[in-house]
Protein backbone atom coordinates (compact mmCIF):
# COMPACT_ATOMS: atom_id res chain seq x y z
CA UNK A 1 78.19 40.26 24.67
CA UNK A 2 79.99 43.55 24.94
CA UNK A 3 78.16 46.70 23.85
CA UNK A 4 80.00 49.53 22.23
CA UNK A 5 79.66 52.81 24.21
CA UNK A 6 78.95 55.76 22.02
CA UNK A 7 81.55 58.55 21.93
CA UNK A 8 79.12 61.17 23.25
CA UNK A 9 78.31 59.10 26.28
CA UNK A 10 81.98 58.64 27.03
CA UNK A 11 82.53 62.38 26.94
CA UNK A 12 79.58 63.04 29.25
CA UNK A 13 80.88 60.45 31.69
CA UNK A 14 84.32 62.08 31.80
CA UNK A 15 82.70 65.48 32.31
CA UNK A 16 80.70 64.15 35.25
CA UNK A 17 83.86 62.77 36.81
CA UNK A 18 85.68 66.08 36.29
CA UNK A 19 82.77 68.03 37.74
CA UNK A 20 82.63 65.72 40.75
CA UNK A 21 86.37 66.17 41.30
CA UNK A 22 86.06 69.94 40.92
CA UNK A 23 83.18 69.95 43.38
CA UNK A 24 85.18 67.94 45.87
CA UNK A 25 88.15 70.29 45.41
CA UNK A 26 85.94 73.36 45.83
CA UNK A 27 84.39 71.90 48.93
CA UNK A 28 87.85 71.16 50.28
CA UNK A 29 88.95 74.75 49.66
CA UNK A 30 85.81 76.10 51.32
CA UNK A 31 86.34 73.84 54.32
CA UNK A 32 89.97 74.92 54.50
CA UNK A 33 89.03 78.59 54.39
CA UNK A 34 86.35 78.07 57.00
CA UNK A 35 88.70 76.12 59.25
CA UNK A 36 91.47 78.68 58.78
CA UNK A 37 89.10 81.50 59.62
CA UNK A 38 87.65 79.62 62.57
CA UNK A 39 91.03 78.58 63.98
CA UNK A 40 92.58 82.06 63.57
CA UNK A 41 89.69 83.81 65.30
CA UNK A 42 88.82 83.88 68.97
CA UNK A 43 86.01 85.51 70.90
CA UNK A 44 86.61 87.27 74.20
CA UNK A 45 84.45 89.29 76.58
CA UNK A 46 85.11 93.02 76.72
CA UNK A 47 85.34 92.80 80.51
CA UNK A 48 88.24 90.36 80.25
CA UNK A 49 90.58 92.67 78.36
CA UNK A 50 92.11 96.09 78.89
CA UNK A 51 92.16 98.69 76.15
CA UNK A 52 94.30 101.83 75.84
CA UNK A 53 94.40 104.60 73.28
CA UNK A 54 97.47 105.72 71.37
CA UNK A 55 98.28 109.19 72.72
CA UNK A 56 100.45 111.96 71.33
CA UNK A 57 102.17 114.16 73.90
CA UNK A 58 105.08 114.55 76.30
CA UNK A 59 106.73 111.37 77.51
CA UNK A 60 108.96 111.40 80.55
CA UNK A 61 112.25 109.54 80.60
CA UNK A 62 112.49 107.55 83.79
CA UNK A 63 113.62 104.30 85.32
CA UNK A 64 112.57 102.33 88.36
CA UNK A 65 114.38 101.73 91.64
CA UNK A 66 113.72 99.84 94.83
CA UNK A 67 113.47 101.89 97.99
CA UNK A 68 113.03 101.56 101.72
CA UNK A 69 111.69 104.15 104.14
CA UNK A 70 114.52 105.02 106.53
CA UNK A 71 114.53 107.39 109.52
CA UNK A 72 116.91 110.34 109.26
CA UNK A 73 118.03 109.87 112.87
CA UNK A 74 118.68 106.42 114.31
CA UNK A 75 120.39 105.90 117.66
CA UNK A 76 121.73 102.62 118.99
CA UNK A 77 121.22 102.73 122.75
CA UNK A 78 124.24 100.89 124.18
CA UNK A 79 125.32 100.07 127.70
CA UNK A 80 128.03 102.59 128.54
CA UNK A 81 128.68 100.60 131.72
CA UNK A 82 128.12 96.87 132.07
CA UNK A 83 125.97 95.31 134.76
CA UNK A 84 122.90 93.27 135.59
CA UNK A 85 119.50 94.38 134.30
CA UNK A 86 117.49 95.35 137.39
CA UNK A 87 114.50 97.13 135.80
CA UNK A 88 112.99 97.63 132.33
CA UNK A 89 110.66 100.62 131.97
CA UNK A 90 109.91 100.46 128.22
CA UNK A 91 109.16 97.95 125.48
CA UNK A 92 109.51 97.78 121.70
CA UNK A 93 107.13 100.17 119.97
CA UNK A 94 106.99 102.67 122.86
CA UNK A 95 107.60 106.36 122.29
CA UNK A 96 110.08 108.05 124.63
CA UNK A 97 111.31 111.59 125.24
CA UNK A 98 114.90 112.62 125.63
CA UNK A 99 116.07 111.95 129.18
CA UNK A 100 113.44 109.32 130.02
CA UNK A 101 114.84 106.38 132.02
CA UNK A 102 114.61 103.26 129.86
CA UNK A 103 116.58 100.68 131.90
CA UNK A 104 118.30 100.40 135.26
CA UNK A 105 121.39 98.25 135.72
CA UNK A 106 123.34 97.33 138.84
CA UNK A 107 127.08 96.79 139.33
CA UNK A 108 128.35 95.93 142.84
CA UNK A 109 132.00 96.15 141.81
CA UNK A 110 131.53 99.75 140.75
CA UNK A 111 129.92 100.63 144.08
CA UNK A 112 132.82 99.07 146.01
CA UNK A 113 135.31 100.91 143.78
CA UNK A 114 133.41 104.13 144.47
CA UNK A 115 133.72 103.67 148.23
CA UNK A 116 137.42 102.87 147.94
CA UNK A 117 137.98 105.86 145.65
CA UNK A 118 136.14 108.21 148.00
CA UNK A 119 138.31 106.96 150.91
CA UNK A 120 141.46 107.54 148.83
CA UNK A 121 140.35 111.06 147.98
CA UNK A 122 139.64 111.79 151.65
CA UNK A 123 143.09 110.51 152.71
CA UNK A 124 144.84 112.47 150.00
CA UNK A 125 142.94 115.66 150.87
CA UNK A 126 143.97 115.21 154.51
CA UNK A 127 147.58 114.76 153.41
CA UNK A 128 147.33 117.93 151.34
CA UNK A 129 145.88 119.91 154.26
CA UNK A 130 148.59 118.62 156.60
CA UNK A 131 151.26 119.54 154.07
CA UNK A 132 149.83 123.05 153.79
CA UNK A 133 149.89 123.43 157.61
CA UNK A 134 153.49 122.21 157.77
CA UNK A 135 154.40 124.52 154.91
CA UNK A 136 152.97 127.51 156.74
CA UNK A 137 154.71 126.53 159.97
CA UNK A 138 158.01 126.02 158.18
CA UNK A 139 157.66 129.34 156.35
CA UNK A 140 156.99 131.19 159.62
CA UNK A 141 159.91 129.43 161.33
CA UNK A 142 162.25 130.26 158.48
CA UNK A 143 161.11 133.87 158.47
CA UNK A 144 161.74 134.06 162.22
CA UNK A 145 165.25 132.61 161.84
CA UNK A 146 166.07 135.00 159.01
CA UNK A 147 164.77 137.93 161.09
CA UNK A 148 166.87 136.90 164.08
CA UNK A 149 169.92 136.48 161.87
CA UNK A 150 169.29 139.91 160.37
CA UNK A 151 169.08 141.51 163.82
CA UNK A 152 172.28 139.74 164.88
CA UNK A 153 173.93 140.97 161.67
CA UNK A 154 172.92 144.56 162.37
CA UNK A 155 174.14 144.34 165.93
CA UNK A 156 177.50 142.84 164.92
CA UNK A 157 177.82 145.47 162.19
CA UNK A 158 177.40 148.32 164.72
CA UNK A 159 179.86 146.69 167.09
CA UNK A 160 182.40 146.25 164.30
CA UNK A 161 182.06 149.85 163.14
CA UNK A 162 182.50 151.12 166.74
CA UNK A 163 185.55 148.92 167.29
CA UNK A 164 187.05 150.12 164.02
CA UNK A 165 186.74 153.78 165.08
CA UNK A 166 188.17 153.07 168.53
CA UNK A 167 191.06 151.07 167.11
CA UNK A 168 191.83 153.84 164.63
CA UNK A 169 192.06 156.29 167.61
CA UNK A 170 194.18 153.83 169.57
CA UNK A 171 191.69 153.25 172.36
CA UNK A 172 191.51 149.43 171.91
CA UNK A 173 193.88 146.75 170.91
CA UNK A 174 194.05 145.37 167.37
CA UNK A 175 193.02 141.96 168.60
CA UNK A 176 189.70 143.24 169.90
CA UNK A 177 189.06 144.98 166.58
CA UNK A 178 189.84 141.81 164.60
CA UNK A 179 187.55 139.76 166.83
CA UNK A 180 184.66 142.21 166.21
CA UNK A 181 185.30 142.01 162.45
CA UNK A 182 185.18 138.21 162.54
CA UNK A 183 181.89 138.22 164.46
CA UNK A 184 180.41 140.60 161.91
CA UNK A 185 181.47 138.43 158.97
CA UNK A 186 180.08 135.31 160.66
CA UNK A 187 176.72 137.06 161.25
CA UNK A 188 176.67 138.18 157.60
CA UNK A 189 177.36 134.64 156.36
CA UNK A 190 174.75 133.12 158.69
CA UNK A 191 172.10 135.59 157.50
CA UNK A 192 172.88 134.82 153.85
CA UNK A 193 172.76 131.06 154.40
CA UNK A 194 169.44 131.28 156.30
CA UNK A 195 167.90 133.28 153.43
CA UNK A 196 169.04 130.66 150.89
CA UNK A 197 167.80 127.84 153.14
CA UNK A 198 164.39 129.52 153.50
CA UNK A 199 164.10 129.97 149.74
CA UNK A 200 165.11 126.37 149.02
CA UNK A 201 162.76 125.00 151.67
CA UNK A 202 159.93 127.15 150.31
CA UNK A 203 160.46 125.90 146.74
CA UNK A 204 160.59 122.28 147.92
CA UNK A 205 157.42 122.56 149.95
CA UNK A 206 155.61 124.39 147.12
CA UNK A 207 156.57 121.60 144.73
CA UNK A 208 155.38 119.04 147.27
CA UNK A 209 152.05 120.87 147.58
CA UNK A 210 151.67 120.98 143.78
CA UNK A 211 152.27 117.23 143.58
CA UNK A 212 149.74 116.58 146.33
CA UNK A 213 147.21 118.90 144.67
CA UNK A 214 147.77 117.11 141.35
CA UNK A 215 147.23 113.76 143.02
CA UNK A 216 144.04 115.03 144.67
CA UNK A 217 142.76 116.44 141.37
CA UNK A 218 143.48 113.16 139.59
CA UNK A 219 141.73 111.18 142.33
CA UNK A 220 138.75 113.54 142.18
CA UNK A 221 138.68 113.21 138.39
CA UNK A 222 138.72 109.43 138.71
CA UNK A 223 136.02 109.70 141.34
CA UNK A 224 133.92 111.84 138.99
CA UNK A 225 134.36 109.31 136.18
CA UNK A 226 133.38 106.53 138.53
CA UNK A 227 130.27 108.40 139.63
CA UNK A 228 129.45 109.08 135.99
CA UNK A 229 129.69 105.35 135.25
CA UNK A 230 127.38 104.62 138.17
CA UNK A 231 124.94 107.24 136.89
CA UNK A 232 125.10 105.52 133.49
CA UNK A 233 123.61 102.44 135.12
CA UNK A 234 120.35 104.36 134.64
CA UNK A 235 120.07 104.24 130.85
CA UNK A 236 118.23 107.29 129.54
CA UNK A 237 116.79 108.03 126.09
CA UNK A 238 119.29 110.15 124.07
CA UNK A 239 116.52 111.71 121.92
CA UNK A 240 112.80 111.73 121.24
CA UNK A 241 111.64 108.79 119.19
CA UNK A 242 110.20 105.31 118.97
CA UNK A 243 111.84 102.11 120.15
CA UNK A 244 111.99 99.85 117.09
CA UNK A 245 114.23 97.11 118.46
CA UNK A 246 114.81 95.78 121.97
CA UNK A 247 115.79 92.35 123.18
CA UNK A 248 116.89 92.27 126.83
CA UNK A 249 115.48 90.55 129.90
CA UNK A 250 115.47 91.12 133.64
CA UNK A 251 118.52 89.65 135.33
CA UNK A 252 120.51 89.55 132.10
CA UNK A 253 124.22 90.37 132.38
CA UNK A 254 125.06 93.18 129.99
CA UNK A 255 128.62 93.95 128.92
CA UNK A 256 129.95 97.43 128.23
CA UNK A 257 128.99 98.47 124.69
CA UNK A 258 126.19 95.90 124.35
CA UNK A 259 123.19 96.99 122.27
CA UNK A 260 120.14 97.53 124.46
CA UNK A 261 117.67 99.10 122.02
CA UNK A 262 117.36 100.96 118.73
CA UNK A 263 115.67 104.34 118.89
CA UNK A 264 114.39 106.02 115.73
CA UNK A 265 113.12 109.52 115.08
CA UNK A 266 109.68 108.71 113.66
CA UNK A 267 108.97 112.29 112.55
CA UNK A 268 111.58 112.61 109.79
CA UNK A 269 112.22 110.01 107.09
CA UNK A 270 114.02 109.66 103.80
CA UNK A 271 113.97 106.85 101.24
CA UNK A 272 117.11 104.80 100.73
CA UNK A 273 117.02 103.73 97.08
CA UNK A 274 118.87 101.06 95.13
CA UNK A 275 119.36 101.67 91.39
CA UNK A 276 120.74 99.30 88.77
CA UNK A 277 124.22 100.39 87.68
CA UNK A 278 122.97 100.39 84.06
CA UNK A 279 121.42 103.80 84.82
CA UNK A 280 124.56 105.30 86.34
CA UNK A 281 125.12 107.76 83.47
CA UNK A 282 121.55 109.09 83.72
CA UNK A 283 121.52 109.46 87.49
CA UNK A 284 122.33 112.79 89.15
CA UNK A 285 121.64 114.63 92.38
CA UNK A 286 118.61 116.90 92.19
CA UNK A 287 116.71 114.63 89.78
CA UNK A 288 113.00 114.26 90.42
CA UNK A 289 111.71 111.05 91.96
CA UNK A 290 108.12 109.88 92.22
CA UNK A 291 106.41 107.32 94.41
CA UNK A 292 102.84 106.09 94.37
CA UNK A 293 101.25 105.95 97.79
CA UNK A 294 97.56 105.47 98.58
CA UNK A 295 96.61 106.16 94.93
CA UNK A 296 98.47 109.46 94.95
CA UNK A 297 101.68 110.50 93.19
CA UNK A 298 104.24 112.11 95.52
CA UNK A 299 107.10 114.08 93.98
CA UNK A 300 110.46 113.84 95.75
CA UNK A 301 114.07 114.46 94.73
CA UNK A 302 117.39 112.64 94.70
CA UNK A 303 119.37 114.37 97.45
CA UNK A 304 122.50 112.22 97.35
CA UNK A 305 124.16 109.67 95.07
CA UNK A 306 126.60 107.46 96.98
CA UNK A 307 129.93 106.87 95.20
CA UNK A 308 130.30 103.16 95.94
CA UNK A 309 128.40 100.27 94.38
CA UNK A 310 126.75 97.80 96.73
CA UNK A 311 126.07 94.43 95.06
CA UNK A 312 126.17 96.11 91.61
CA UNK A 313 123.62 98.69 92.73
CA UNK A 314 123.94 102.46 93.13
CA UNK A 315 122.72 103.68 96.51
CA UNK A 316 120.79 106.96 96.51
CA UNK A 317 119.06 109.05 99.17
CA UNK A 318 115.66 110.45 98.23
CA UNK A 319 114.13 113.19 100.35
CA UNK A 320 111.05 115.39 100.36
CA UNK A 321 107.59 115.40 101.88
CA UNK A 322 107.39 111.74 102.89
CA UNK A 323 103.87 110.90 104.20
CA UNK A 324 103.79 110.65 107.98
CA UNK A 325 101.78 107.43 107.76
CA UNK A 326 104.68 105.57 106.13
CA UNK A 327 106.66 103.33 108.48
CA UNK A 328 110.34 102.68 108.92
CA UNK A 329 111.47 99.71 106.83
CA UNK A 330 108.51 99.95 104.44
CA UNK A 331 109.38 98.99 100.87
CA UNK A 332 108.39 101.36 98.10
CA UNK A 333 108.75 101.45 94.32
CA UNK A 334 110.48 104.59 93.04
CA UNK A 335 110.36 106.20 89.61
CA UNK A 336 113.35 108.45 88.96
CA UNK A 337 112.69 111.03 86.23
CA UNK A 338 115.76 112.03 84.21
CA UNK A 339 114.60 113.61 80.91
CA UNK A 340 111.58 113.82 78.56
CA UNK A 341 110.47 113.56 74.91
CA UNK A 342 107.96 115.99 73.43
CA UNK A 343 105.32 115.32 70.74
CA UNK A 344 105.63 111.54 70.54
CA UNK A 345 103.12 108.70 70.22
CA UNK A 346 103.04 106.37 73.17
CA UNK A 347 101.13 103.57 74.84
CA UNK A 348 101.07 102.47 78.48
CA UNK A 349 103.41 99.67 79.51
CA UNK A 350 101.82 96.26 80.01
CA UNK A 351 102.15 92.49 79.81
CA UNK A 352 101.15 92.67 76.14
CA UNK A 353 104.62 93.95 75.24
CA UNK A 354 106.28 90.86 76.69
CA UNK A 355 103.72 88.49 75.17
CA UNK A 356 104.12 90.06 71.72
CA UNK A 357 107.83 90.59 72.02
CA UNK A 358 107.16 94.28 71.45
CA UNK A 359 106.78 93.62 67.70
CA UNK A 360 103.00 93.41 67.26
CA UNK A 361 99.75 94.28 69.00
CA UNK A 362 96.00 93.77 68.60
CA UNK A 363 94.38 96.91 67.20
CA UNK A 364 90.63 97.46 67.59
CA UNK A 365 88.37 98.30 64.70
CA UNK A 366 86.45 101.57 64.71
CA UNK A 367 83.30 99.93 66.02
CA UNK A 368 85.28 98.07 68.69
CA UNK A 369 83.77 94.68 67.82
CA UNK A 370 86.98 93.08 66.68
CA UNK A 371 90.74 93.43 66.94
CA UNK A 372 93.38 92.35 64.46
CA UNK A 373 97.05 91.70 64.80
CA UNK A 374 99.36 94.44 63.52
CA UNK A 375 103.10 94.87 63.50
CA UNK A 376 104.69 97.88 65.19
CA UNK A 377 108.07 99.29 66.11
CA UNK A 378 108.74 100.74 69.55
CA UNK A 379 111.39 103.11 70.81
CA UNK A 380 112.03 104.90 74.11
CA UNK A 381 110.54 103.36 77.26
CA UNK A 382 110.04 104.35 80.84
CA UNK A 383 108.36 102.43 83.63
CA UNK A 384 104.92 103.64 82.54
CA UNK A 385 104.90 104.14 78.78
CA UNK A 386 106.51 102.97 75.56
CA UNK A 387 107.11 105.14 72.50
CA UNK A 388 105.45 104.04 69.24
CA UNK A 389 107.65 104.67 66.20
CA UNK A 390 105.72 102.82 63.47
CA UNK A 391 102.53 100.79 63.00
CA UNK A 392 99.98 102.83 64.98
CA UNK A 393 98.30 106.20 64.69
CA UNK A 394 97.07 108.70 67.21
CA UNK A 395 93.67 107.81 68.61
CA UNK A 396 93.76 104.11 67.71
CA UNK A 397 92.87 101.68 70.45
CA UNK A 398 95.01 98.70 71.42
CA UNK A 399 94.48 95.71 73.70
CA UNK A 400 97.03 96.18 76.50
CA UNK A 401 96.21 93.19 78.70
CA UNK A 402 97.99 89.84 78.43
CA UNK A 403 98.04 88.04 75.06
CA UNK A 404 98.91 84.62 76.46
CA UNK A 405 95.40 83.19 75.91
CA UNK A 406 95.14 84.14 72.22
CA UNK A 407 98.49 85.30 70.90
CA UNK A 408 98.36 82.71 68.05
CA UNK A 409 95.09 84.19 66.70
CA UNK A 410 94.89 86.75 63.93
CA UNK A 411 91.44 88.09 64.74
CA UNK A 412 89.77 88.69 68.10
CA UNK A 413 86.02 89.12 68.28
CA UNK A 414 85.01 91.21 71.25
CA UNK A 415 81.74 90.22 72.85
CA UNK A 416 79.81 92.92 74.66
CA UNK A 417 81.73 95.78 73.04
CA UNK A 418 80.04 99.15 73.17
């Protein structure tokens, strides 16, 4: 039969149930807290992370550019005269001095043209010499004729004057006087005509000589050009330098203007830079530029900013003390310095900024055993540092290596921290 449960026992039973439920709830909360703490914490080795200190000081304004080491003097050695490659005296990478013979070409057509041109010059010179001889002979003959005509004129003039005096005294007939006058006039006319003929003949022959001399000079000029072209079959180095490009073979037929080799002055270089057009307003000639080479910073300057964009890039020339060990065509990263900020907090650039979106970082505790996530606000950046506006203080230490392995954790325990 059913037994009546006392009221006190019923109360105690309810209390036990409530206490059990409270215990279960408390255990659940403890487990949740433990899991939350365990899941939001990660342990890393100190050797696996990089740490940097928040610094207060001067921060340079700069941006990066891509550069290439370029020789100041580059010469394309071209074939001034076409022909067949008969000899090659150099190879790519060799150093040559100005005037050294690099290649020898042959051209049979040029040699035949030279022989024909020399024969033409010889013939024309002979013609000129013959014309000069004939000119001298003609000049002497004309002078002799003029002299004879002058003597005849003088003789006829004396005879005329004598006959005029005799006729005036009545010693001779008028007819004899008139005949003497006519002879005198004929001698005068003949002398005048011979003088004019000599002058005309002299002018004609002088003009003929000038034409022949001009023809000889032109032929000799052509002959000189032809000899120069034959001399150009021996291709010589136009300057001191290193051969950086050459691709010809023995027996190859080379046309006029064909590229034979590229010669570079390996003693003087500049850096040809390419800058994003975003930085156009901040870029100016004379700005400092810095490159990192063999763990050493080298300060250079922007010597020229080209006016045209090439594939949305600004082309700049950077000059200065370029290390002699750098090679033509070598790529180099450039930092162009434009301005600066004084008395600011900053951190070094790193992957951590991308992983955290630039909005939070892991800050180390004073003992360095742990790091916690903290929000921050950044400002000005260059290729090395980022300005800290809010969230950090001078002297605090921050993890600056990648956050990809633990960016969802709130706490980082650092194993092996000193």
